Amino acid sequence: MYAIIRTGGKQYQVAAGDTLRVEKLQGDIGETVEINDVLLVADGDAVKVGQPLVEGAKVIAKIAEQGKAKKVVVFKKKRRKGYQVKKGHRQQFTALTIEEIAA
């Protein structure tokens, strides 16, 4: 059994026991998160496709980690002008462990 969920402007395919990194969600490590934006639920040959969401379906996950990703360096330069800008960015993320898919 698997589901397609939407969170943080992205879509993810998840199954029970999976761990995935999503955009930062509020909550502490160990708390349970309920994701109601379920776009598709597949259980063997039975597939439910939402328009846009599947009615009554939800995914229950536990927060495994709150952190920051590796630094991305942004470097801008214009030749012969002496213009250089170097910036770094670390995106915050939440690691979720999928516990249950309720259809």
PDB file of N, CA and C in Angstrom:
ATOM      1  N   MET A   1       0.850  -1.182   0.000  1.00  0.00           N
ATOM      2  CA  MET A   1       0.000   0.000   0.000  1.00  0.00           C
ATOM      3  C   MET A   1       0.888   1.235   0.000  1.00  0.00           C
ATOM      4  N   TYR A   2       0.552   2.187  -0.863  1.00  0.00           N
ATOM      5  CA  TYR A   2       1.289   3.439  -0.886  1.00  0.00           C
ATOM      6  C   TYR A   2       0.326   4.586  -1.165  1.00  0.00           C
ATOM      7  N   ALA A   3       0.831   5.802  -0.958  1.00  0.00           N
ATOM      8  CA  ALA A   3       0.024   7.002  -1.174  1.00  0.00           C
ATOM      9  C   ALA A   3       0.903   8.092  -1.765  1.00  0.00           C
ATOM     10  N   ILE A   4       0.257   9.011  -2.458  1.00  0.00           N
ATOM     11  CA  ILE A   4       0.919  10.223  -2.949  1.00  0.00           C
ATOM     12  C   ILE A   4       0.393  11.372  -2.096  1.00  0.00           C
ATOM     13  N   ILE A   5       1.302  12.062  -1.402  1.00  0.00           N
ATOM     14  CA  ILE A   5       0.901  13.171  -0.537  1.00  0.00           C
ATOM     15  C   ILE A   5       1.491  14.470  -1.073  1.00  0.00           C
ATOM     16  N   ARG A   6       0.908  15.587  -0.619  1.00  0.00           N
ATOM     17  CA  ARG A   6       1.390  16.916  -0.992  1.00  0.00           C
ATOM     18  C   ARG A   6       1.701  17.681   0.276  1.00  0.00           C
ATOM     19  N   THR A   7       2.928  18.163   0.392  1.00  0.00           N
ATOM     20  CA  THR A   7       3.314  19.004   1.518  1.00  0.00           C
ATOM     21  C   THR A   7       4.477  19.894   1.087  1.00  0.00           C
ATOM     22  N   GLY A   8       4.437  21.127   1.499  1.00  0.00           N
ATOM     23  CA  GLY A   8       5.504  22.062   1.175  1.00  0.00           C
ATOM     24  C   GLY A   8       5.603  22.379  -0.305  1.00  0.00           C
ATOM     25  N   GLY A   9       4.478  22.272  -1.041  1.00  0.00           N
ATOM     26  CA  GLY A   9       4.489  22.581  -2.454  1.00  0.00           C
ATOM     27  C   GLY A   9       5.066  21.475  -3.323  1.00  0.00           C
ATOM     28  N   LYS A  10       5.343  20.304  -2.734  1.00  0.00           N
ATOM     29  CA  LYS A  10       5.897  19.180  -3.479  1.00  0.00           C
ATOM     30  C   LYS A  10       5.044  17.946  -3.244  1.00  0.00           C
ATOM     31  N   GLN A  11       5.199  16.939  -4.101  1.00  0.00           N
ATOM     32  CA  GLN A  11       4.463  15.692  -3.961  1.00  0.00           C
ATOM     33  C   GLN A  11       5.450  14.558  -3.694  1.00  0.00           C
ATOM     34  N   TYR A  12       5.052  13.632  -2.821  1.00  0.00           N
ATOM     35  CA  TYR A  12       5.903  12.519  -2.427  1.00  0.00           C
ATOM     36  C   TYR A  12       5.106  11.224  -2.471  1.00  0.00           C
ATOM     37  N   GLN A  13       5.760  10.140  -2.893  1.00  0.00           N
ATOM     38  CA  GLN A  13       5.161   8.811  -2.808  1.00  0.00           C
ATOM     39  C   GLN A  13       5.671   8.184  -1.528  1.00  0.00           C
ATOM     40  N   VAL A  14       4.741   7.754  -0.653  1.00  0.00           N
ATOM     41  CA  VAL A  14       5.123   7.210   0.646  1.00  0.00           C
ATOM     42  C   VAL A  14       4.440   5.871   0.888  1.00  0.00           C
ATOM     43  N   ALA A  15       5.090   5.055   1.697  1.00  0.00           N
ATOM     44  CA  ALA A  15       4.526   3.789   2.162  1.00  0.00           C
ATOM     45  C   ALA A  15       4.842   3.691   3.652  1.00  0.00           C
ATOM     46  N   ALA A  16       4.148   2.814   4.354  1.00  0.00           N
ATOM     47  CA  ALA A  16       4.370   2.664   5.795  1.00  0.00           C
ATOM     48  C   ALA A  16       5.824   2.246   6.035  1.00  0.00           C
ATOM     49  N   GLY A  17       6.480   2.923   6.983  1.00  0.00           N
ATOM     50  CA  GLY A  17       7.863   2.624   7.313  1.00  0.00           C
ATOM     51  C   GLY A  17       8.883   3.493   6.591  1.00  0.00           C
ATOM     52  N   ASP A  18       8.461   4.261   5.600  1.00  0.00           N
ATOM     53  CA  ASP A  18       9.374   5.131   4.849  1.00  0.00           C
ATOM     54  C   ASP A  18       9.813   6.316   5.700  1.00  0.00           C
ATOM     55  N   THR A  19      11.017   6.824   5.402  1.00  0.00           N
ATOM     56  CA  THR A  19      11.507   8.057   6.006  1.00  0.00           C
ATOM     57  C   THR A  19      11.796   9.026   4.869  1.00  0.00           C
ATOM     58  N   LEU A  20      11.296  10.258   4.987  1.00  0.00           N
ATOM     59  CA  LEU A  20      11.539  11.242   3.943  1.00  0.00           C
ATOM     60  C   LEU A  20      11.729  12.617   4.548  1.00  0.00           C
ATOM     61  N   ARG A  21      12.463  13.454   3.808  1.00  0.00           N
ATOM     62  CA  ARG A  21      12.701  14.839   4.214  1.00  0.00           C
ATOM     63  C   ARG A  21      11.742  15.742   3.453  1.00  0.00           C
ATOM     64  N   VAL A  22      11.024  16.583   4.198  1.00  0.00           N
ATOM     65  CA  VAL A  22      10.092  17.533   3.599  1.00  0.00           C
ATOM     66  C   VAL A  22      10.464  18.936   4.078  1.00  0.00           C
ATOM     67  N   GLU A  23       9.822  19.935   3.499  1.00  0.00           N
ATOM     68  CA  GLU A  23      10.023  21.310   3.967  1.00  0.00           C
ATOM     69  C   GLU A  23       9.639  21.399   5.437  1.00  0.00           C
ATOM     70  N   LYS A  24      10.217  22.341   6.150  1.00  0.00           N
ATOM     71  CA  LYS A  24      10.048  22.426   7.602  1.00  0.00           C
ATOM     72  C   LYS A  24       8.589  22.476   8.023  1.00  0.00           C
ATOM     73  N   LEU A  25       8.244  21.606   8.991  1.00  0.00           N
ATOM     74  CA  LEU A  25       6.931  21.583   9.624  1.00  0.00           C
ATOM     75  C   LEU A  25       7.092  21.928  11.096  1.00  0.00           C
ATOM     76  N   GLN A  26       6.076  22.548  11.680  1.00  0.00           N
ATOM     77  CA  GLN A  26       6.112  22.883  13.097  1.00  0.00           C
ATOM     78  C   GLN A  26       5.962  21.620  13.928  1.00  0.00           C
ATOM     79  N   GLY A  27       6.704  21.533  15.024  1.00  0.00           N
ATOM     80  CA  GLY A  27       6.597  20.399  15.920  1.00  0.00           C
ATOM     81  C   GLY A  27       7.961  19.964  16.428  1.00  0.00           C
ATOM     82  N   ASP A  28       7.945  19.190  17.510  1.00  0.00           N
ATOM     83  CA  ASP A  28       9.169  18.683  18.109  1.00  0.00           C
ATOM     84  C   ASP A  28       9.396  17.237  17.691  1.00  0.00           C
ATOM     85  N   ILE A  29      10.619  16.768  17.901  1.00  0.00           N
ATOM     86  CA  ILE A  29      10.963  15.389  17.573  1.00  0.00           C
ATOM     87  C   ILE A  29      10.102  14.445  18.412  1.00  0.00           C
ATOM     88  N   GLY A  30       9.524  13.443  17.759  1.00  0.00           N
ATOM     89  CA  GLY A  30       8.677  12.470  18.438  1.00  0.00           C
ATOM     90  C   GLY A  30       7.196  12.770  18.348  1.00  0.00           C
ATOM     91  N   GLU A  31       6.830  13.982  17.945  1.00  0.00           N
ATOM     92  CA  GLU A  31       5.413  14.328  17.809  1.00  0.00           C
ATOM     93  C   GLU A  31       4.829  13.677  16.568  1.00  0.00           C
ATOM     94  N   THR A  32       3.521  13.470  16.593  1.00  0.00           N
ATOM     95  CA  THR A  32       2.810  12.875  15.468  1.00  0.00           C
ATOM     96  C   THR A  32       2.215  13.973  14.598  1.00  0.00           C
ATOM     97  N   VAL A  33       2.350  13.808  13.278  1.00  0.00           N
ATOM     98  CA  VAL A  33       1.843  14.764  12.307  1.00  0.00           C
ATOM     99  C   VAL A  33       0.826  14.040  11.431  1.00  0.00           C
ATOM    100  N   GLU A  34      -0.299  14.700  11.175  1.00  0.00           N
ATOM    101  CA  GLU A  34      -1.337  14.133  10.321  1.00  0.00           C
ATOM    102  C   GLU A  34      -1.360  14.928   9.017  1.00  0.00           C
ATOM    103  N   ILE A  35      -1.148  14.232   7.892  1.00  0.00           N
ATOM    104  CA  ILE A  35      -1.146  14.877   6.586  1.00  0.00           C
ATOM    105  C   ILE A  35      -2.447  14.518   5.884  1.00  0.00           C
ATOM    106  N   ASN A  36      -3.266  15.525   5.622  1.00  0.00           N
ATOM    107  CA  ASN A  36      -4.572  15.307   5.024  1.00  0.00           C
ATOM    108  C   ASN A  36      -4.588  15.549   3.515  1.00  0.00           C
ATOM    109  N   ASP A  37      -3.515  16.116   2.960  1.00  0.00           N
ATOM    110  CA  ASP A  37      -3.436  16.355   1.516  1.00  0.00           C
ATOM    111  C   ASP A  37      -2.971  15.073   0.820  1.00  0.00           C
ATOM    112  N   VAL A  38      -3.883  14.119   0.678  1.00  0.00           N
ATOM    113  CA  VAL A  38      -3.582  12.843   0.033  1.00  0.00           C
ATOM    114  C   VAL A  38      -4.191  12.872  -1.366  1.00  0.00           C
ATOM    115  N   LEU A  39      -3.354  12.736  -2.388  1.00  0.00           N
ATOM    116  CA  LEU A  39      -3.798  12.842  -3.776  1.00  0.00           C
ATOM    117  C   LEU A  39      -4.176  11.490  -4.368  1.00  0.00           C
ATOM    118  N   LEU A  40      -3.549  10.399  -3.869  1.00  0.00           N
ATOM    119  CA  LEU A  40      -3.800   9.076  -4.407  1.00  0.00           C
ATOM    120  C   LEU A  40      -3.498   8.039  -3.337  1.00  0.00           C
ATOM    121  N   VAL A  41      -4.313   6.988  -3.284  1.00  0.00           N
ATOM    122  CA  VAL A  41      -4.063   5.858  -2.392  1.00  0.00           C
ATOM    123  C   VAL A  41      -4.167   4.594  -3.232  1.00  0.00           C
ATOM    124  N   ALA A  42      -3.116   3.755  -3.189  1.00  0.00           N
ATOM    125  CA  ALA A  42      -3.109   2.504  -3.948  1.00  0.00           C
ATOM    126  C   ALA A  42      -2.888   1.348  -2.983  1.00  0.00           C
ATOM    127  N   ASP A  43      -3.790   0.351  -3.053  1.00  0.00           N
ATOM    128  CA  ASP A  43      -3.690  -0.855  -2.235  1.00  0.00           C
ATOM    129  C   ASP A  43      -3.864  -2.052  -3.165  1.00  0.00           C
ATOM    130  N   GLY A  44      -2.737  -2.554  -3.679  1.00  0.00           N
ATOM    131  CA  GLY A  44      -2.814  -3.632  -4.660  1.00  0.00           C
ATOM    132  C   GLY A  44      -3.400  -3.119  -5.962  1.00  0.00           C
ATOM    133  N   ASP A  45      -4.504  -3.729  -6.403  1.00  0.00           N
ATOM    134  CA  ASP A  45      -5.170  -3.290  -7.632  1.00  0.00           C
ATOM    135  C   ASP A  45      -6.180  -2.171  -7.387  1.00  0.00           C
ATOM    136  N   ALA A  46      -6.537  -1.943  -6.122  1.00  0.00           N
ATOM    137  CA  ALA A  46      -7.496  -0.890  -5.793  1.00  0.00           C
ATOM    138  C   ALA A  46      -6.771   0.450  -5.705  1.00  0.00           C
ATOM    139  N   VAL A  47      -7.095   1.341  -6.628  1.00  0.00           N
ATOM    140  CA  VAL A  47      -6.462   2.658  -6.661  1.00  0.00           C
ATOM    141  C   VAL A  47      -7.545   3.717  -6.542  1.00  0.00           C
ATOM    142  N   LYS A  48      -7.377   4.616  -5.559  1.00  0.00           N
ATOM    143  CA  LYS A  48      -8.295   5.742  -5.392  1.00  0.00           C
ATOM    144  C   LYS A  48      -7.548   7.008  -5.777  1.00  0.00           C
ATOM    145  N   VAL A  49      -8.066   7.720  -6.768  1.00  0.00           N
ATOM    146  CA  VAL A  49      -7.463   8.967  -7.214  1.00  0.00           C
ATOM    147  C   VAL A  49      -8.390  10.092  -6.808  1.00  0.00           C
ATOM    148  N   GLY A  50      -7.868  11.084  -6.112  1.00  0.00           N
ATOM    149  CA  GLY A  50      -8.675  12.218  -5.663  1.00  0.00           C
ATOM    150  C   GLY A  50      -8.815  13.267  -6.740  1.00  0.00           C
ATOM    151  N   GLN A  51      -9.830  14.105  -6.576  1.00  0.00           N
ATOM    152  CA  GLN A  51     -10.041  15.208  -7.505  1.00  0.00           C
ATOM    153  C   GLN A  51     -10.302  16.488  -6.738  1.00  0.00           C
ATOM    154  N   PRO A  52      -9.348  17.164  -6.142  1.00  0.00           N
ATOM    155  CA  PRO A  52      -7.929  16.836  -6.156  1.00  0.00           C
ATOM    156  C   PRO A  52      -7.508  15.928  -5.000  1.00  0.00           C
ATOM    157  N   LEU A  53      -8.290  15.829  -3.921  1.00  0.00           N
ATOM    158  CA  LEU A  53      -7.891  15.046  -2.750  1.00  0.00           C
ATOM    159  C   LEU A  53      -8.803  13.836  -2.577  1.00  0.00           C
ATOM    160  N   VAL A  54      -8.266  12.776  -1.972  1.00  0.00           N
ATOM    161  CA  VAL A  54      -9.046  11.584  -1.657  1.00  0.00           C
ATOM    162  C   VAL A  54      -9.822  11.858  -0.378  1.00  0.00           C
ATOM    163  N   GLU A  55     -11.141  11.706  -0.422  1.00  0.00           N
ATOM    164  CA  GLU A  55     -11.998  11.985   0.738  1.00  0.00           C
ATOM    165  C   GLU A  55     -11.693  11.016   1.881  1.00  0.00           C
ATOM    166  N   GLY A  56     -11.469  11.564   3.067  1.00  0.00           N
ATOM    167  CA  GLY A  56     -11.293  10.756   4.270  1.00  0.00           C
ATOM    168  C   GLY A  56      -9.940  10.090   4.409  1.00  0.00           C
ATOM    169  N   ALA A  57      -9.047  10.270   3.458  1.00  0.00           N
ATOM    170  CA  ALA A  57      -7.725   9.646   3.535  1.00  0.00           C
ATOM    171  C   ALA A  57      -6.766  10.558   4.286  1.00  0.00           C
ATOM    172  N   LYS A  58      -5.880   9.941   5.062  1.00  0.00           N
ATOM    173  CA  LYS A  58      -4.850  10.702   5.760  1.00  0.00           C
ATOM    174  C   LYS A  58      -3.635   9.823   5.975  1.00  0.00           C
ATOM    175  N   VAL A  59      -2.498  10.475   6.138  1.00  0.00           N
ATOM    176  CA  VAL A  59      -1.239   9.787   6.396  1.00  0.00           C
ATOM    177  C   VAL A  59      -0.745  10.256   7.748  1.00  0.00           C
ATOM    178  N   ILE A  60      -0.425   9.303   8.611  1.00  0.00           N
ATOM    179  CA  ILE A  60       0.065   9.621   9.952  1.00  0.00           C
ATOM    180  C   ILE A  60       1.565   9.368   9.975  1.00  0.00           C
ATOM    181  N   ALA A  61       2.313  10.396  10.388  1.00  0.00           N
ATOM    182  CA  ALA A  61       3.771  10.316  10.407  1.00  0.00           C
ATOM    183  C   ALA A  61       4.292  10.841  11.729  1.00  0.00           C
ATOM    184  N   LYS A  62       5.507  10.442  12.073  1.00  0.00           N
ATOM    185  CA  LYS A  62       6.160  10.904  13.292  1.00  0.00           C
ATOM    186  C   LYS A  62       7.391  11.709  12.893  1.00  0.00           C
ATOM    187  N   ILE A  63       7.628  12.815  13.585  1.00  0.00           N
ATOM    188  CA  ILE A  63       8.785  13.658  13.286  1.00  0.00           C
ATOM    189  C   ILE A  63      10.024  12.960  13.831  1.00  0.00           C
ATOM    190  N   ALA A  64      10.960  12.636  12.920  1.00  0.00           N
ATOM    191  CA  ALA A  64      12.184  11.946  13.307  1.00  0.00           C
ATOM    192  C   ALA A  64      13.336  12.924  13.535  1.00  0.00           C
ATOM    193  N   GLU A  65      13.325  14.054  12.817  1.00  0.00           N
ATOM    194  CA  GLU A  65      14.442  14.982  12.894  1.00  0.00           C
ATOM    195  C   GLU A  65      14.019  16.353  12.403  1.00  0.00           C
ATOM    196  N   GLN A  66      14.571  17.392  13.019  1.00  0.00           N
ATOM    197  CA  GLN A  66      14.441  18.772  12.543  1.00  0.00           C
ATOM    198  C   GLN A  66      15.868  19.255  12.299  1.00  0.00           C
ATOM    199  N   GLY A  67      16.158  19.748  11.113  1.00  0.00           N
ATOM    200  CA  GLY A  67      17.539  20.154  10.861  1.00  0.00           C
ATOM    201  C   GLY A  67      17.662  21.091   9.685  1.00  0.00           C
ATOM    202  N   LYS A  68      18.933  21.289   9.301  1.00  0.00           N
ATOM    203  CA  LYS A  68      19.261  22.119   8.151  1.00  0.00           C
ATOM    204  C   LYS A  68      20.051  21.275   7.164  1.00  0.00           C
ATOM    205  N   ALA A  69      19.781  21.480   5.869  1.00  0.00           N
ATOM    206  CA  ALA A  69      20.495  20.754   4.825  1.00  0.00           C
ATOM    207  C   ALA A  69      21.899  21.335   4.661  1.00  0.00           C
ATOM    208  N   LYS A  70      22.683  20.716   3.800  1.00  0.00           N
ATOM    209  CA  LYS A  70      24.026  21.222   3.528  1.00  0.00           C
ATOM    210  C   LYS A  70      23.945  22.597   2.887  1.00  0.00           C
ATOM    211  N   LYS A  71      25.006  23.381   3.047  1.00  0.00           N
ATOM    212  CA  LYS A  71      25.018  24.742   2.539  1.00  0.00           C
ATOM    213  C   LYS A  71      25.111  24.760   1.016  1.00  0.00           C
ATOM    214  N   VAL A  72      24.297  25.616   0.430  1.00  0.00           N
ATOM    215  CA  VAL A  72      24.346  25.877  -1.006  1.00  0.00           C
ATOM    216  C   VAL A  72      24.998  27.237  -1.172  1.00  0.00           C
ATOM    217  N   VAL A  73      26.065  27.288  -1.958  1.00  0.00           N
ATOM    218  CA  VAL A  73      26.799  28.535  -2.168  1.00  0.00           C
ATOM    219  C   VAL A  73      26.284  29.205  -3.434  1.00  0.00           C
ATOM    220  N   VAL A  74      25.954  30.505  -3.313  1.00  0.00           N
ATOM    221  CA  VAL A  74      25.505  31.308  -4.451  1.00  0.00           C
ATOM    222  C   VAL A  74      26.603  32.335  -4.716  1.00  0.00           C
ATOM    223  N   PHE A  75      27.176  32.290  -5.919  1.00  0.00           N
ATOM    224  CA  PHE A  75      28.276  33.195  -6.266  1.00  0.00           C
ATOM    225  C   PHE A  75      27.914  33.955  -7.530  1.00  0.00           C
ATOM    226  N   LYS A  76      27.962  35.282  -7.454  1.00  0.00           N
ATOM    227  CA  LYS A  76      27.670  36.136  -8.606  1.00  0.00           C
ATOM    228  C   LYS A  76      28.921  36.934  -8.938  1.00  0.00           C
ATOM    229  N   LYS A  77      29.140  37.132 -10.232  1.00  0.00           N
ATOM    230  CA  LYS A  77      30.315  37.888 -10.663  1.00  0.00           C
ATOM    231  C   LYS A  77      30.031  38.541 -12.009  1.00  0.00           C
ATOM    232  N   LYS A  78      30.537  39.760 -12.179  1.00  0.00           N
ATOM    233  CA  LYS A  78      30.498  40.427 -13.482  1.00  0.00           C
ATOM    234  C   LYS A  78      31.943  40.694 -13.888  1.00  0.00           C
ATOM    235  N   ARG A  79      32.294  40.205 -15.040  1.00  0.00           N
ATOM    236  CA  ARG A  79      33.690  40.310 -15.445  1.00  0.00           C
ATOM    237  C   ARG A  79      34.102  41.758 -15.717  1.00  0.00           C
ATOM    238  N   ARG A  80      35.319  42.050 -15.354  1.00  0.00           N
ATOM    239  CA  ARG A  80      35.974  43.356 -15.566  1.00  0.00           C
ATOM    240  C   ARG A  80      35.341  44.504 -14.785  1.00  0.00           C
ATOM    241  N   LYS A  81      34.446  44.245 -13.860  1.00  0.00           N
ATOM    242  CA  LYS A  81      33.775  45.319 -13.127  1.00  0.00           C
ATOM    243  C   LYS A  81      34.113  45.303 -11.637  1.00  0.00           C
ATOM    244  N   GLY A  82      34.770  44.269 -11.174  1.00  0.00           N
ATOM    245  CA  GLY A  82      35.107  44.182  -9.757  1.00  0.00           C
ATOM    246  C   GLY A  82      33.924  43.799  -8.887  1.00  0.00           C
ATOM    247  N   TYR A  83      32.874  43.267  -9.496  1.00  0.00           N
ATOM    248  CA  TYR A  83      31.662  42.909  -8.756  1.00  0.00           C
ATOM    249  C   TYR A  83      31.670  41.412  -8.452  1.00  0.00           C
ATOM    250  N   GLN A  84      31.671  41.100  -7.153  1.00  0.00           N
ATOM    251  CA  GLN A  84      31.584  39.706  -6.704  1.00  0.00           C
ATOM    252  C   GLN A  84      30.732  39.654  -5.451  1.00  0.00           C
ATOM    253  N   VAL A  85      29.792  38.701  -5.413  1.00  0.00           N
ATOM    254  CA  VAL A  85      28.963  38.484  -4.229  1.00  0.00           C
ATOM    255  C   VAL A  85      28.943  36.985  -3.953  1.00  0.00           C
ATOM    256  N   LYS A  86      29.243  36.608  -2.732  1.00  0.00           N
ATOM    257  CA  LYS A  86      29.202  35.200  -2.339  1.00  0.00           C
ATOM    258  C   LYS A  86      28.262  35.072  -1.146  1.00  0.00           C
ATOM    259  N   LYS A  87      27.214  34.256  -1.310  1.00  0.00           N
ATOM    260  CA  LYS A  87      26.244  34.044  -0.246  1.00  0.00           C
ATOM    261  C   LYS A  87      26.052  32.554  -0.039  1.00  0.00           C
ATOM    262  N   GLY A  88      25.633  32.185   1.146  1.00  0.00           N
ATOM    263  CA  GLY A  88      25.331  30.787   1.438  1.00  0.00           C
ATOM    264  C   GLY A  88      23.926  30.673   2.007  1.00  0.00           C
ATOM    265  N   HIS A  89      23.317  29.492   1.798  1.00  0.00           N
ATOM    266  CA  HIS A  89      21.960  29.261   2.300  1.00  0.00           C
ATOM    267  C   HIS A  89      21.849  27.824   2.764  1.00  0.00           C
ATOM    268  N   ARG A  90      21.241  27.615   3.938  1.00  0.00           N
ATOM    269  CA  ARG A  90      20.963  26.268   4.443  1.00  0.00           C
ATOM    270  C   ARG A  90      19.466  26.143   4.642  1.00  0.00           C
ATOM    271  N   GLN A  91      18.826  25.288   3.839  1.00  0.00           N
ATOM    272  CA  GLN A  91      17.373  25.103   3.888  1.00  0.00           C
ATOM    273  C   GLN A  91      16.998  24.238   5.093  1.00  0.00           C
ATOM    274  N   GLN A  92      15.977  24.662   5.832  1.00  0.00           N
ATOM    275  CA  GLN A  92      15.498  23.877   6.965  1.00  0.00           C
ATOM    276  C   GLN A  92      14.604  22.756   6.468  1.00  0.00           C
ATOM    277  N   PHE A  93      14.670  21.595   7.149  1.00  0.00           N
ATOM    278  CA  PHE A  93      13.854  20.455   6.757  1.00  0.00           C
ATOM    279  C   PHE A  93      13.326  19.727   7.982  1.00  0.00           C
ATOM    280  N   THR A  94      12.334  18.884   7.764  1.00  0.00           N
ATOM    281  CA  THR A  94      11.792  17.987   8.770  1.00  0.00           C
ATOM    282  C   THR A  94      11.838  16.578   8.188  1.00  0.00           C
ATOM    283  N   ALA A  95      12.436  15.656   8.919  1.00  0.00           N
ATOM    284  CA  ALA A  95      12.460  14.256   8.493  1.00  0.00           C
ATOM    285  C   ALA A  95      11.263  13.554   9.127  1.00  0.00           C
ATOM    286  N   LEU A  96      10.441  12.907   8.301  1.00  0.00           N
ATOM    287  CA  LEU A  96       9.241  12.219   8.771  1.00  0.00           C
ATOM    288  C   LEU A  96       9.402  10.717   8.585  1.00  0.00           C
ATOM    289  N   THR A  97       8.897   9.946   9.563  1.00  0.00           N
ATOM    290  CA  THR A  97       8.789   8.500   9.429  1.00  0.00           C
ATOM    291  C   THR A  97       7.311   8.188   9.299  1.00  0.00           C
ATOM    292  N   ILE A  98       6.925   7.564   8.183  1.00  0.00           N
ATOM    293  CA  ILE A  98       5.519   7.264   7.907  1.00  0.00           C
ATOM    294  C   ILE A  98       5.109   6.060   8.738  1.00  0.00           C
ATOM    295  N   GLU A  99       4.058   6.226   9.531  1.00  0.00           N
ATOM    296  CA  GLU A  99       3.588   5.151  10.398  1.00  0.00           C
ATOM    297  C   GLU A  99       2.375   4.420   9.823  1.00  0.00           C
ATOM    298  N   GLU A 100       1.447   5.181   9.223  1.00  0.00           N
ATOM    299  CA  GLU A 100       0.189   4.563   8.798  1.00  0.00           C
ATOM    300  C   GLU A 100      -0.432   5.357   7.659  1.00  0.00           C
ATOM    301  N   ILE A 101      -1.074   4.631   6.749  1.00  0.00           N
ATOM    302  CA  ILE A 101      -1.869   5.250   5.689  1.00  0.00           C
ATOM    303  C   ILE A 101      -3.301   4.814   5.907  1.00  0.00           C
ATOM    304  N   ALA A 102      -4.161   5.774   6.282  1.00  0.00           N
ATOM    305  CA  ALA A 102      -5.567   5.477   6.525  1.00  0.00           C
ATOM    306  C   ALA A 102      -6.375   5.945   5.325  1.00  0.00           C
ATOM    307  N   ALA A 103      -7.037   4.994   4.662  1.00  0.00           N
ATOM    308  CA  ALA A 103      -7.771   5.358   3.445  1.00  0.00           C
ATOM    309  C   ALA A 103      -9.222   5.632   3.767  1.00  0.00           C
TER     310      ALA A 103
END
